[in-house]
Amino acid sequence: MDTNNWRPGQAEPAMDTADWRTQWPLDYRLRIVNKMLDELDTLMRHLPVSGQEGWNELRKIAVRFEEKIYTGATSQSDYLRKISLKMLTMETKAQTAMANNLPSNSAEAQ
């Protein structure tokens, strides 16, 4: 899949009036993927990622993750909760990694 031209709705479920997805505007999914990518962009500044190739791989991961959550979510709130939890987890891990990579103050004090 060409993730640069990815558009929501490529794997839409059948129209079922009881399914929350039928009430969800299609552009919301794209907005969420873009928000995830904005967060990833911020994290990439602090993590070793190899330029454009690394960015493209992260984009593919974000799209696959969103599709998986969208397909498996039982409601809009379940979808948003799962996306939010994953983003929080990634941010926490990145902050921990950054803190572990800072030079020790005790070495500088000597």
PDB file of N, CA and C in Angstrom:
ATOM      1  N   MET A   1       0.849  -1.183   0.000  1.00  0.00           N
ATOM      2  CA  MET A   1       0.000   0.000   0.000  1.00  0.00           C
ATOM      3  C   MET A   1       0.886   1.235   0.000  1.00  0.00           C
ATOM      4  N   ASP A   2       0.576   2.216  -0.803  1.00  0.00           N
ATOM      5  CA  ASP A   2       1.292   3.476  -0.836  1.00  0.00           C
ATOM      6  C   ASP A   2       0.760   4.340   0.294  1.00  0.00           C
ATOM      7  N   THR A   3       1.511   4.432   1.388  1.00  0.00           N
ATOM      8  CA  THR A   3       1.016   5.145   2.564  1.00  0.00           C
ATOM      9  C   THR A   3       1.005   6.645   2.383  1.00  0.00           C
ATOM     10  N   ASN A   4       1.748   7.173   1.404  1.00  0.00           N
ATOM     11  CA  ASN A   4       1.709   8.614   1.167  1.00  0.00           C
ATOM     12  C   ASN A   4       0.362   9.049   0.608  1.00  0.00           C
ATOM     13  N   ASN A   5      -0.309   8.162  -0.081  1.00  0.00           N
ATOM     14  CA  ASN A   5      -1.610   8.472  -0.660  1.00  0.00           C
ATOM     15  C   ASN A   5      -2.722   7.687   0.016  1.00  0.00           C
ATOM     16  N   TRP A   6      -2.457   7.178   1.202  1.00  0.00           N
ATOM     17  CA  TRP A   6      -3.440   6.375   1.925  1.00  0.00           C
ATOM     18  C   TRP A   6      -4.651   7.222   2.257  1.00  0.00           C
ATOM     19  N   ARG A   7      -5.805   6.658   2.056  1.00  0.00           N
ATOM     20  CA  ARG A   7      -7.063   7.317   2.401  1.00  0.00           C
ATOM     21  C   ARG A   7      -7.900   6.352   3.208  1.00  0.00           C
ATOM     22  N   PRO A   8      -8.582   6.854   4.225  1.00  0.00           N
ATOM     23  CA  PRO A   8      -9.424   5.961   5.018  1.00  0.00           C
ATOM     24  C   PRO A   8     -10.522   5.368   4.159  1.00  0.00           C
ATOM     25  N   GLY A   9     -11.003   4.255   4.603  1.00  0.00           N
ATOM     26  CA  GLY A   9     -12.107   3.633   3.903  1.00  0.00           C
ATOM     27  C   GLY A   9     -11.687   2.523   2.984  1.00  0.00           C
ATOM     28  N   GLN A  10     -10.402   2.217   2.942  1.00  0.00           N
ATOM     29  CA  GLN A  10      -9.945   1.171   2.049  1.00  0.00           C
ATOM     30  C   GLN A  10     -10.369  -0.207   2.524  1.00  0.00           C
ATOM     31  N   ALA A  11     -10.630  -0.350   3.795  1.00  0.00           N
ATOM     32  CA  ALA A  11     -11.061  -1.636   4.334  1.00  0.00           C
ATOM     33  C   ALA A  11     -12.337  -1.427   5.147  1.00  0.00           C
ATOM     34  N   GLU A  12     -13.256  -0.701   4.593  1.00  0.00           N
ATOM     35  CA  GLU A  12     -14.486  -0.380   5.307  1.00  0.00           C
ATOM     36  C   GLU A  12     -15.361  -1.611   5.505  1.00  0.00           C
ATOM     37  N   PRO A  13     -15.980  -1.743   6.683  1.00  0.00           N
ATOM     38  CA  PRO A  13     -16.906  -2.847   6.902  1.00  0.00           C
ATOM     39  C   PRO A  13     -18.200  -2.622   6.131  1.00  0.00           C
ATOM     40  N   ALA A  14     -18.959  -3.665   5.976  1.00  0.00           N
ATOM     41  CA  ALA A  14     -20.254  -3.555   5.300  1.00  0.00           C
ATOM     42  C   ALA A  14     -21.147  -2.587   6.061  1.00  0.00           C
ATOM     43  N   MET A  15     -22.042  -1.928   5.346  1.00  0.00           N
ATOM     44  CA  MET A  15     -22.928  -0.957   5.983  1.00  0.00           C
ATOM     45  C   MET A  15     -23.902  -1.664   6.919  1.00  0.00           C
ATOM     46  N   ASP A  16     -23.672  -1.519   8.181  1.00  0.00           N
ATOM     47  CA  ASP A  16     -24.496  -2.118   9.218  1.00  0.00           C
ATOM     48  C   ASP A  16     -24.896  -0.980  10.142  1.00  0.00           C
ATOM     49  N   THR A  17     -26.178  -0.711  10.249  1.00  0.00           N
ATOM     50  CA  THR A  17     -26.620   0.447  11.026  1.00  0.00           C
ATOM     51  C   THR A  17     -26.266   0.317  12.500  1.00  0.00           C
ATOM     52  N   ALA A  18     -26.000  -0.884  12.989  1.00  0.00           N
ATOM     53  CA  ALA A  18     -25.623  -1.062  14.389  1.00  0.00           C
ATOM     54  C   ALA A  18     -24.122  -0.868  14.598  1.00  0.00           C
ATOM     55  N   ASP A  19     -23.357  -0.786  13.537  1.00  0.00           N
ATOM     56  CA  ASP A  19     -21.907  -0.669  13.616  1.00  0.00           C
ATOM     57  C   ASP A  19     -21.519   0.799  13.760  1.00  0.00           C
ATOM     58  N   TRP A  20     -20.724   1.118  14.774  1.00  0.00           N
ATOM     59  CA  TRP A  20     -20.312   2.497  15.024  1.00  0.00           C
ATOM     60  C   TRP A  20     -19.552   3.093  13.851  1.00  0.00           C
ATOM     61  N   ARG A  21     -18.896   2.253  13.060  1.00  0.00           N
ATOM     62  CA  ARG A  21     -18.089   2.744  11.941  1.00  0.00           C
ATOM     63  C   ARG A  21     -18.929   3.453  10.878  1.00  0.00           C
ATOM     64  N   THR A  22     -20.202   3.093  10.766  1.00  0.00           N
ATOM     65  CA  THR A  22     -21.057   3.726   9.767  1.00  0.00           C
ATOM     66  C   THR A  22     -21.346   5.179  10.123  1.00  0.00           C
ATOM     67  N   GLN A  23     -21.175   5.536  11.375  1.00  0.00           N
ATOM     68  CA  GLN A  23     -21.417   6.899  11.839  1.00  0.00           C
ATOM     69  C   GLN A  23     -20.138   7.738  11.882  1.00  0.00           C
ATOM     70  N   TRP A  24     -19.014   7.125  11.618  1.00  0.00           N
ATOM     71  CA  TRP A  24     -17.709   7.775  11.751  1.00  0.00           C
ATOM     72  C   TRP A  24     -17.308   8.402  10.416  1.00  0.00           C
ATOM     73  N   PRO A  25     -17.137   9.716  10.355  1.00  0.00           N
ATOM     74  CA  PRO A  25     -16.699  10.351   9.096  1.00  0.00           C
ATOM     75  C   PRO A  25     -15.338   9.804   8.663  1.00  0.00           C
ATOM     76  N   LEU A  26     -15.212   9.520   7.394  1.00  0.00           N
ATOM     77  CA  LEU A  26     -14.005   8.877   6.882  1.00  0.00           C
ATOM     78  C   LEU A  26     -12.738   9.687   7.118  1.00  0.00           C
ATOM     79  N   ASP A  27     -12.838  11.004   7.051  1.00  0.00           N
ATOM     80  CA  ASP A  27     -11.623  11.803   7.210  1.00  0.00           C
ATOM     81  C   ASP A  27     -11.088  11.776   8.638  1.00  0.00           C
ATOM     82  N   TYR A  28     -11.868  11.323   9.615  1.00  0.00           N
ATOM     83  CA  TYR A  28     -11.376  11.227  10.985  1.00  0.00           C
ATOM     84  C   TYR A  28     -10.208  10.250  11.085  1.00  0.00           C
ATOM     85  N   ARG A  29     -10.294   9.141  10.360  1.00  0.00           N
ATOM     86  CA  ARG A  29      -9.215   8.156  10.406  1.00  0.00           C
ATOM     87  C   ARG A  29      -7.918   8.761   9.878  1.00  0.00           C
ATOM     88  N   LEU A  30      -8.016   9.502   8.798  1.00  0.00           N
ATOM     89  CA  LEU A  30      -6.825  10.134   8.242  1.00  0.00           C
ATOM     90  C   LEU A  30      -6.263  11.159   9.222  1.00  0.00           C
ATOM     91  N   ARG A  31      -7.129  11.902   9.868  1.00  0.00           N
ATOM     92  CA  ARG A  31      -6.671  12.869  10.874  1.00  0.00           C
ATOM     93  C   ARG A  31      -5.938  12.172  12.011  1.00  0.00           C
ATOM     94  N   ILE A  32      -6.456  11.037  12.436  1.00  0.00           N
ATOM     95  CA  ILE A  32      -5.825  10.307  13.539  1.00  0.00           C
ATOM     96  C   ILE A  32      -4.464   9.780  13.116  1.00  0.00           C
ATOM     97  N   VAL A  33      -4.367   9.214  11.918  1.00  0.00           N
ATOM     98  CA  VAL A  33      -3.070   8.748  11.424  1.00  0.00           C
ATOM     99  C   VAL A  33      -2.096   9.925  11.343  1.00  0.00           C
ATOM    100  N   ASN A  34      -2.545  11.065  10.847  1.00  0.00           N
ATOM    101  CA  ASN A  34      -1.674  12.244  10.764  1.00  0.00           C
ATOM    102  C   ASN A  34      -1.244  12.724  12.142  1.00  0.00           C
ATOM    103  N   LYS A  35      -2.136  12.662  13.115  1.00  0.00           N
ATOM    104  CA  LYS A  35      -1.784  13.040  14.487  1.00  0.00           C
ATOM    105  C   LYS A  35      -0.735  12.083  15.047  1.00  0.00           C
ATOM    106  N   MET A  36      -0.916  10.797  14.765  1.00  0.00           N
ATOM    107  CA  MET A  36       0.077   9.816  15.199  1.00  0.00           C
ATOM    108  C   MET A  36       1.426  10.129  14.565  1.00  0.00           C
ATOM    109  N   LEU A  37       1.420  10.487  13.298  1.00  0.00           N
ATOM    110  CA  LEU A  37       2.665  10.800  12.598  1.00  0.00           C
ATOM    111  C   LEU A  37       3.304  12.069  13.142  1.00  0.00           C
ATOM    112  N   ASP A  38       2.493  13.048  13.530  1.00  0.00           N
ATOM    113  CA  ASP A  38       3.041  14.262  14.160  1.00  0.00           C
ATOM    114  C   ASP A  38       3.775  13.896  15.447  1.00  0.00           C
ATOM    115  N   GLU A  39       3.157  13.017  16.242  1.00  0.00           N
ATOM    116  CA  GLU A  39       3.787  12.577  17.490  1.00  0.00           C
ATOM    117  C   GLU A  39       5.057  11.790  17.201  1.00  0.00           C
ATOM    118  N   LEU A  40       5.006  10.931  16.193  1.00  0.00           N
ATOM    119  CA  LEU A  40       6.179  10.149  15.824  1.00  0.00           C
ATOM    120  C   LEU A  40       7.298  11.057  15.340  1.00  0.00           C
ATOM    121  N   ASP A  41       6.945  12.104  14.623  1.00  0.00           N
ATOM    122  CA  ASP A  41       7.938  13.056  14.142  1.00  0.00           C
ATOM    123  C   ASP A  41       8.669  13.688  15.320  1.00  0.00           C
ATOM    124  N   THR A  42       7.928  14.051  16.342  1.00  0.00           N
ATOM    125  CA  THR A  42       8.528  14.624  17.543  1.00  0.00           C
ATOM    126  C   THR A  42       9.456  13.614  18.206  1.00  0.00           C
ATOM    127  N   LEU A  43       8.996  12.354  18.309  1.00  0.00           N
ATOM    128  CA  LEU A  43       9.820  11.327  18.931  1.00  0.00           C
ATOM    129  C   LEU A  43      11.074  11.027  18.113  1.00  0.00           C
ATOM    130  N   MET A  44      10.948  11.096  16.792  1.00  0.00           N
ATOM    131  CA  MET A  44      12.081  10.785  15.911  1.00  0.00           C
ATOM    132  C   MET A  44      13.249  11.733  16.129  1.00  0.00           C
ATOM    133  N   ARG A  45      12.978  12.924  16.571  1.00  0.00           N
ATOM    134  CA  ARG A  45      14.052  13.888  16.800  1.00  0.00           C
ATOM    135  C   ARG A  45      14.971  13.441  17.923  1.00  0.00           C
ATOM    136  N   HIS A  46      14.466  12.544  18.773  1.00  0.00           N
ATOM    137  CA  HIS A  46      15.236  12.085  19.922  1.00  0.00           C
ATOM    138  C   HIS A  46      15.675  10.629  19.810  1.00  0.00           C
ATOM    139  N   LEU A  47      15.261   9.955  18.749  1.00  0.00           N
ATOM    140  CA  LEU A  47      15.587   8.546  18.588  1.00  0.00           C
ATOM    141  C   LEU A  47      16.371   8.347  17.293  1.00  0.00           C
ATOM    142  N   PRO A  48      17.223   7.330  17.275  1.00  0.00           N
ATOM    143  CA  PRO A  48      17.980   7.066  16.044  1.00  0.00           C
ATOM    144  C   PRO A  48      17.095   6.424  14.972  1.00  0.00           C
ATOM    145  N   VAL A  49      16.774   7.195  13.942  1.00  0.00           N
ATOM    146  CA  VAL A  49      15.980   6.707  12.809  1.00  0.00           C
ATOM    147  C   VAL A  49      16.688   7.179  11.554  1.00  0.00           C
ATOM    148  N   SER A  50      16.757   6.311  10.556  1.00  0.00           N
ATOM    149  CA  SER A  50      17.547   6.622   9.366  1.00  0.00           C
ATOM    150  C   SER A  50      16.763   7.419   8.325  1.00  0.00           C
ATOM    151  N   GLY A  51      16.718   8.719   8.459  1.00  0.00           N
ATOM    152  CA  GLY A  51      16.182   9.643   7.468  1.00  0.00           C
ATOM    153  C   GLY A  51      14.825   9.293   6.890  1.00  0.00           C
ATOM    154  N   GLN A  52      14.699   9.506   5.590  1.00  0.00           N
ATOM    155  CA  GLN A  52      13.422   9.314   4.896  1.00  0.00           C
ATOM    156  C   GLN A  52      12.977   7.866   4.946  1.00  0.00           C
ATOM    157  N   GLU A  53      13.907   6.943   4.841  1.00  0.00           N
ATOM    158  CA  GLU A  53      13.562   5.518   4.901  1.00  0.00           C
ATOM    159  C   GLU A  53      12.935   5.176   6.254  1.00  0.00           C
ATOM    160  N   GLY A  54      13.510   5.701   7.317  1.00  0.00           N
ATOM    161  CA  GLY A  54      12.958   5.483   8.654  1.00  0.00           C
ATOM    162  C   GLY A  54      11.580   6.104   8.792  1.00  0.00           C
ATOM    163  N   TRP A  55      11.415   7.305   8.243  1.00  0.00           N
ATOM    164  CA  TRP A  55      10.116   7.983   8.287  1.00  0.00           C
ATOM    165  C   TRP A  55       9.067   7.174   7.534  1.00  0.00           C
ATOM    166  N   ASN A  56       9.420   6.663   6.357  1.00  0.00           N
ATOM    167  CA  ASN A  56       8.472   5.866   5.573  1.00  0.00           C
ATOM    168  C   ASN A  56       8.060   4.601   6.321  1.00  0.00           C
ATOM    169  N   GLU A  57       9.004   3.984   6.991  1.00  0.00           N
ATOM    170  CA  GLU A  57       8.689   2.773   7.749  1.00  0.00           C
ATOM    171  C   GLU A  57       7.760   3.100   8.916  1.00  0.00           C
ATOM    172  N   LEU A  58       8.026   4.202   9.617  1.00  0.00           N
ATOM    173  CA  LEU A  58       7.145   4.604  10.712  1.00  0.00           C
ATOM    174  C   LEU A  58       5.739   4.913  10.206  1.00  0.00           C
ATOM    175  N   ARG A  59       5.635   5.513   9.036  1.00  0.00           N
ATOM    176  CA  ARG A  59       4.328   5.815   8.439  1.00  0.00           C
ATOM    177  C   ARG A  59       3.561   4.525   8.157  1.00  0.00           C
ATOM    178  N   LYS A  60       4.236   3.540   7.599  1.00  0.00           N
ATOM    179  CA  LYS A  60       3.598   2.247   7.328  1.00  0.00           C
ATOM    180  C   LYS A  60       3.113   1.603   8.619  1.00  0.00           C
ATOM    181  N   ILE A  61       3.934   1.670   9.645  1.00  0.00           N
ATOM    182  CA  ILE A  61       3.560   1.095  10.943  1.00  0.00           C
ATOM    183  C   ILE A  61       2.332   1.801  11.495  1.00  0.00           C
ATOM    184  N   ALA A  62       2.305   3.128  11.416  1.00  0.00           N
ATOM    185  CA  ALA A  62       1.164   3.891  11.928  1.00  0.00           C
ATOM    186  C   ALA A  62      -0.123   3.529  11.187  1.00  0.00           C
ATOM    187  N   VAL A  63      -0.048   3.394   9.869  1.00  0.00           N
ATOM    188  CA  VAL A  63      -1.229   3.051   9.072  1.00  0.00           C
ATOM    189  C   VAL A  63      -1.716   1.655   9.427  1.00  0.00           C
ATOM    190  N   ARG A  64      -0.779   0.694   9.514  1.00  0.00           N
ATOM    191  CA  ARG A  64      -1.180  -0.678   9.861  1.00  0.00           C
ATOM    192  C   ARG A  64      -1.786  -0.732  11.258  1.00  0.00           C
ATOM    193  N   PHE A  65      -1.182  -0.002  12.184  1.00  0.00           N
ATOM    194  CA  PHE A  65      -1.706   0.021  13.548  1.00  0.00           C
ATOM    195  C   PHE A  65      -3.117   0.594  13.576  1.00  0.00           C
ATOM    196  N   GLU A  66      -3.324   1.721  12.887  1.00  0.00           N
ATOM    197  CA  GLU A  66      -4.653   2.338  12.876  1.00  0.00           C
ATOM    198  C   GLU A  66      -5.676   1.396  12.262  1.00  0.00           C
ATOM    199  N   GLU A  67      -5.330   0.735  11.174  1.00  0.00           N
ATOM    200  CA  GLU A  67      -6.257  -0.193  10.527  1.00  0.00           C
ATOM    201  C   GLU A  67      -6.626  -1.339  11.466  1.00  0.00           C
ATOM    202  N   LYS A  68      -5.642  -1.850  12.185  1.00  0.00           N
ATOM    203  CA  LYS A  68      -5.880  -2.948  13.126  1.00  0.00           C
ATOM    204  C   LYS A  68      -6.821  -2.509  14.245  1.00  0.00           C
ATOM    205  N   ILE A  69      -6.575  -1.332  14.801  1.00  0.00           N
ATOM    206  CA  ILE A  69      -7.419  -0.832  15.885  1.00  0.00           C
ATOM    207  C   ILE A  69      -8.824  -0.530  15.364  1.00  0.00           C
ATOM    208  N   TYR A  70      -8.922   0.094  14.207  1.00  0.00           N
ATOM    209  CA  TYR A  70     -10.217   0.435  13.617  1.00  0.00           C
ATOM    210  C   TYR A  70     -11.060  -0.813  13.395  1.00  0.00           C
ATOM    211  N   THR A  71     -10.437  -1.838  12.853  1.00  0.00           N
ATOM    212  CA  THR A  71     -11.151  -3.074  12.560  1.00  0.00           C
ATOM    213  C   THR A  71     -11.613  -3.777  13.829  1.00  0.00           C
ATOM    214  N   GLY A  72     -10.789  -3.755  14.866  1.00  0.00           N
ATOM    215  CA  GLY A  72     -11.098  -4.498  16.078  1.00  0.00           C
ATOM    216  C   GLY A  72     -11.884  -3.745  17.137  1.00  0.00           C
ATOM    217  N   ALA A  73     -11.990  -2.430  16.996  1.00  0.00           N
ATOM    218  CA  ALA A  73     -12.660  -1.637  18.027  1.00  0.00           C
ATOM    219  C   ALA A  73     -14.156  -1.923  18.060  1.00  0.00           C
ATOM    220  N   THR A  74     -14.711  -1.908  19.260  1.00  0.00           N
ATOM    221  CA  THR A  74     -16.138  -2.171  19.431  1.00  0.00           C
ATOM    222  C   THR A  74     -16.974  -0.903  19.420  1.00  0.00           C
ATOM    223  N   SER A  75     -16.300   0.254  19.547  1.00  0.00           N
ATOM    224  CA  SER A  75     -17.011   1.537  19.555  1.00  0.00           C
ATOM    225  C   SER A  75     -16.013   2.648  19.266  1.00  0.00           C
ATOM    226  N   GLN A  76     -16.542   3.852  19.045  1.00  0.00           N
ATOM    227  CA  GLN A  76     -15.660   5.003  18.832  1.00  0.00           C
ATOM    228  C   GLN A  76     -14.774   5.224  20.046  1.00  0.00           C
ATOM    229  N   SER A  77     -15.354   5.124  21.235  1.00  0.00           N
ATOM    230  CA  SER A  77     -14.560   5.361  22.436  1.00  0.00           C
ATOM    231  C   SER A  77     -13.494   4.282  22.620  1.00  0.00           C
ATOM    232  N   ASP A  78     -13.796   3.037  22.263  1.00  0.00           N
ATOM    233  CA  ASP A  78     -12.814   1.960  22.331  1.00  0.00           C
ATOM    234  C   ASP A  78     -11.675   2.236  21.357  1.00  0.00           C
ATOM    235  N   TYR A  79     -12.011   2.658  20.155  1.00  0.00           N
ATOM    236  CA  TYR A  79     -11.028   3.007  19.122  1.00  0.00           C
ATOM    237  C   TYR A  79     -10.102   4.118  19.627  1.00  0.00           C
ATOM    238  N   LEU A  80     -10.681   5.209  20.104  1.00  0.00           N
ATOM    239  CA  LEU A  80      -9.878   6.343  20.567  1.00  0.00           C
ATOM    240  C   LEU A  80      -9.060   5.985  21.805  1.00  0.00           C
ATOM    241  N   ARG A  81      -9.626   5.182  22.696  1.00  0.00           N
ATOM    242  CA  ARG A  81      -8.913   4.766  23.907  1.00  0.00           C
ATOM    243  C   ARG A  81      -7.674   3.952  23.543  1.00  0.00           C
ATOM    244  N   LYS A  82      -7.835   2.999  22.628  1.00  0.00           N
ATOM    245  CA  LYS A  82      -6.710   2.152  22.249  1.00  0.00           C
ATOM    246  C   LYS A  82      -5.619   2.950  21.541  1.00  0.00           C
ATOM    247  N   ILE A  83      -6.005   3.861  20.673  1.00  0.00           N
ATOM    248  CA  ILE A  83      -5.030   4.716  19.983  1.00  0.00           C
ATOM    249  C   ILE A  83      -4.293   5.581  21.019  1.00  0.00           C
ATOM    250  N   SER A  84      -5.049   6.192  21.920  1.00  0.00           N
ATOM    251  CA  SER A  84      -4.448   7.075  22.933  1.00  0.00           C
ATOM    252  C   SER A  84      -3.485   6.320  23.840  1.00  0.00           C
ATOM    253  N   LEU A  85      -3.878   5.125  24.267  1.00  0.00           N
ATOM    254  CA  LEU A  85      -3.002   4.339  25.134  1.00  0.00           C
ATOM    255  C   LEU A  85      -1.688   3.981  24.435  1.00  0.00           C
ATOM    256  N   LYS A  86      -1.771   3.636  23.169  1.00  0.00           N
ATOM    257  CA  LYS A  86      -0.557   3.289  22.421  1.00  0.00           C
ATOM    258  C   LYS A  86       0.348   4.511  22.279  1.00  0.00           C
ATOM    259  N   MET A  87      -0.231   5.659  21.974  1.00  0.00           N
ATOM    260  CA  MET A  87       0.572   6.872  21.832  1.00  0.00           C
ATOM    261  C   MET A  87       1.233   7.240  23.163  1.00  0.00           C
ATOM    262  N   LEU A  88       0.499   7.109  24.260  1.00  0.00           N
ATOM    263  CA  LEU A  88       1.050   7.406  25.582  1.00  0.00           C
ATOM    264  C   LEU A  88       2.193   6.451  25.909  1.00  0.00           C
ATOM    265  N   THR A  89       2.014   5.182  25.591  1.00  0.00           N
ATOM    266  CA  THR A  89       3.054   4.196  25.839  1.00  0.00           C
ATOM    267  C   THR A  89       4.311   4.514  25.044  1.00  0.00           C
ATOM    268  N   MET A  90       4.137   4.871  23.776  1.00  0.00           N
ATOM    269  CA  MET A  90       5.292   5.217  22.941  1.00  0.00           C
ATOM    270  C   MET A  90       6.005   6.444  23.480  1.00  0.00           C
ATOM    271  N   GLU A  91       5.256   7.436  23.899  1.00  0.00           N
ATOM    272  CA  GLU A  91       5.861   8.656  24.425  1.00  0.00           C
ATOM    273  C   GLU A  91       6.636   8.366  25.705  1.00  0.00           C
ATOM    274  N   THR A  92       6.059   7.561  26.574  1.00  0.00           N
ATOM    275  CA  THR A  92       6.714   7.211  27.835  1.00  0.00           C
ATOM    276  C   THR A  92       8.010   6.449  27.576  1.00  0.00           C
ATOM    277  N   LYS A  93       7.964   5.492  26.661  1.00  0.00           N
ATOM    278  CA  LYS A  93       9.171   4.730  26.327  1.00  0.00           C
ATOM    279  C   LYS A  93      10.248   5.635  25.742  1.00  0.00           C
ATOM    280  N   ALA A  94       9.855   6.566  24.893  1.00  0.00           N
ATOM    281  CA  ALA A  94      10.818   7.474  24.283  1.00  0.00           C
ATOM    282  C   ALA A  94      11.451   8.373  25.337  1.00  0.00           C
ATOM    283  N   GLN A  95      10.642   8.871  26.266  1.00  0.00           N
ATOM    284  CA  GLN A  95      11.172   9.732  27.320  1.00  0.00           C
ATOM    285  C   GLN A  95      12.131   8.959  28.214  1.00  0.00           C
ATOM    286  N   THR A  96      11.807   7.713  28.494  1.00  0.00           N
ATOM    287  CA  THR A  96      12.684   6.875  29.307  1.00  0.00           C
ATOM    288  C   THR A  96      14.003   6.635  28.586  1.00  0.00           C
ATOM    289  N   ALA A  97      13.924   6.349  27.289  1.00  0.00           N
ATOM    290  CA  ALA A  97      15.134   6.124  26.499  1.00  0.00           C
ATOM    291  C   ALA A  97      15.993   7.388  26.462  1.00  0.00           C
ATOM    292  N   MET A  98      15.357   8.543  26.297  1.00  0.00           N
ATOM    293  CA  MET A  98      16.111   9.800  26.261  1.00  0.00           C
ATOM    294  C   MET A  98      16.789  10.050  27.606  1.00  0.00           C
ATOM    295  N   ALA A  99      16.071   9.803  28.704  1.00  0.00           N
ATOM    296  CA  ALA A  99      16.635  10.025  30.033  1.00  0.00           C
ATOM    297  C   ALA A  99      17.813   9.093  30.283  1.00  0.00           C
ATOM    298  N   ASN A 100      17.718   7.871  29.796  1.00  0.00           N
ATOM    299  CA  ASN A 100      18.810   6.909  29.983  1.00  0.00           C
ATOM    300  C   ASN A 100      20.032   7.269  29.147  1.00  0.00           C
ATOM    301  N   ASN A 101      19.851   8.049  28.090  1.00  0.00           N
ATOM    302  CA  ASN A 101      20.964   8.407  27.218  1.00  0.00           C
ATOM    303  C   ASN A 101      21.640   9.719  27.610  1.00  0.00           C
ATOM    304  N   LEU A 102      21.097  10.420  28.613  1.00  0.00           N
ATOM    305  CA  LEU A 102      21.712  11.673  29.058  1.00  0.00           C
ATOM    306  C   LEU A 102      22.989  11.374  29.837  1.00  0.00           C
ATOM    307  N   PRO A 103      23.992  12.245  29.716  1.00  0.00           N
ATOM    308  CA  PRO A 103      25.209  12.016  30.497  1.00  0.00           C
ATOM    309  C   PRO A 103      24.916  12.162  31.982  1.00  0.00           C
ATOM    310  N   SER A 104      25.622  11.395  32.756  1.00  0.00           N
ATOM    311  CA  SER A 104      25.432  11.393  34.202  1.00  0.00           C
ATOM    312  C   SER A 104      25.981  12.694  34.801  1.00  0.00           C
ATOM    313  N   ASN A 105      25.235  13.313  35.700  1.00  0.00           N
ATOM    314  CA  ASN A 105      25.702  14.525  36.373  1.00  0.00           C
ATOM    315  C   ASN A 105      26.841  14.226  37.335  1.00  0.00           C
ATOM    316  N   SER A 106      26.869  13.017  37.890  1.00  0.00           N
ATOM    317  CA  SER A 106      27.937  12.693  38.840  1.00  0.00           C
ATOM    318  C   SER A 106      29.292  12.656  38.151  1.00  0.00           C
ATOM    319  N   ALA A 107      29.347  12.266  36.899  1.00  0.00           N
ATOM    320  CA  ALA A 107      30.622  12.242  36.167  1.00  0.00           C
ATOM    321  C   ALA A 107      31.096  13.652  35.872  1.00  0.00           C
ATOM    322  N   GLU A 108      30.151  14.567  35.625  1.00  0.00           N
ATOM    323  CA  GLU A 108      30.515  15.950  35.320  1.00  0.00           C
ATOM    324  C   GLU A 108      30.973  16.695  36.572  1.00  0.00           C
ATOM    325  N   ALA A 109      30.493  16.312  37.741  1.00  0.00           N
ATOM    326  CA  ALA A 109      30.793  17.014  38.973  1.00  0.00           C
ATOM    327  C   ALA A 109      32.241  16.783  39.412  1.00  0.00           C
ATOM    328  N   GLN A 110      32.884  15.742  38.941  1.00  0.00           N
ATOM    329  CA  GLN A 110      34.243  15.430  39.387  1.00  0.00           C
ATOM    330  C   GLN A 110      35.266  16.233  38.683  1.00  0.00           C
TER     331      GLN A 110
END
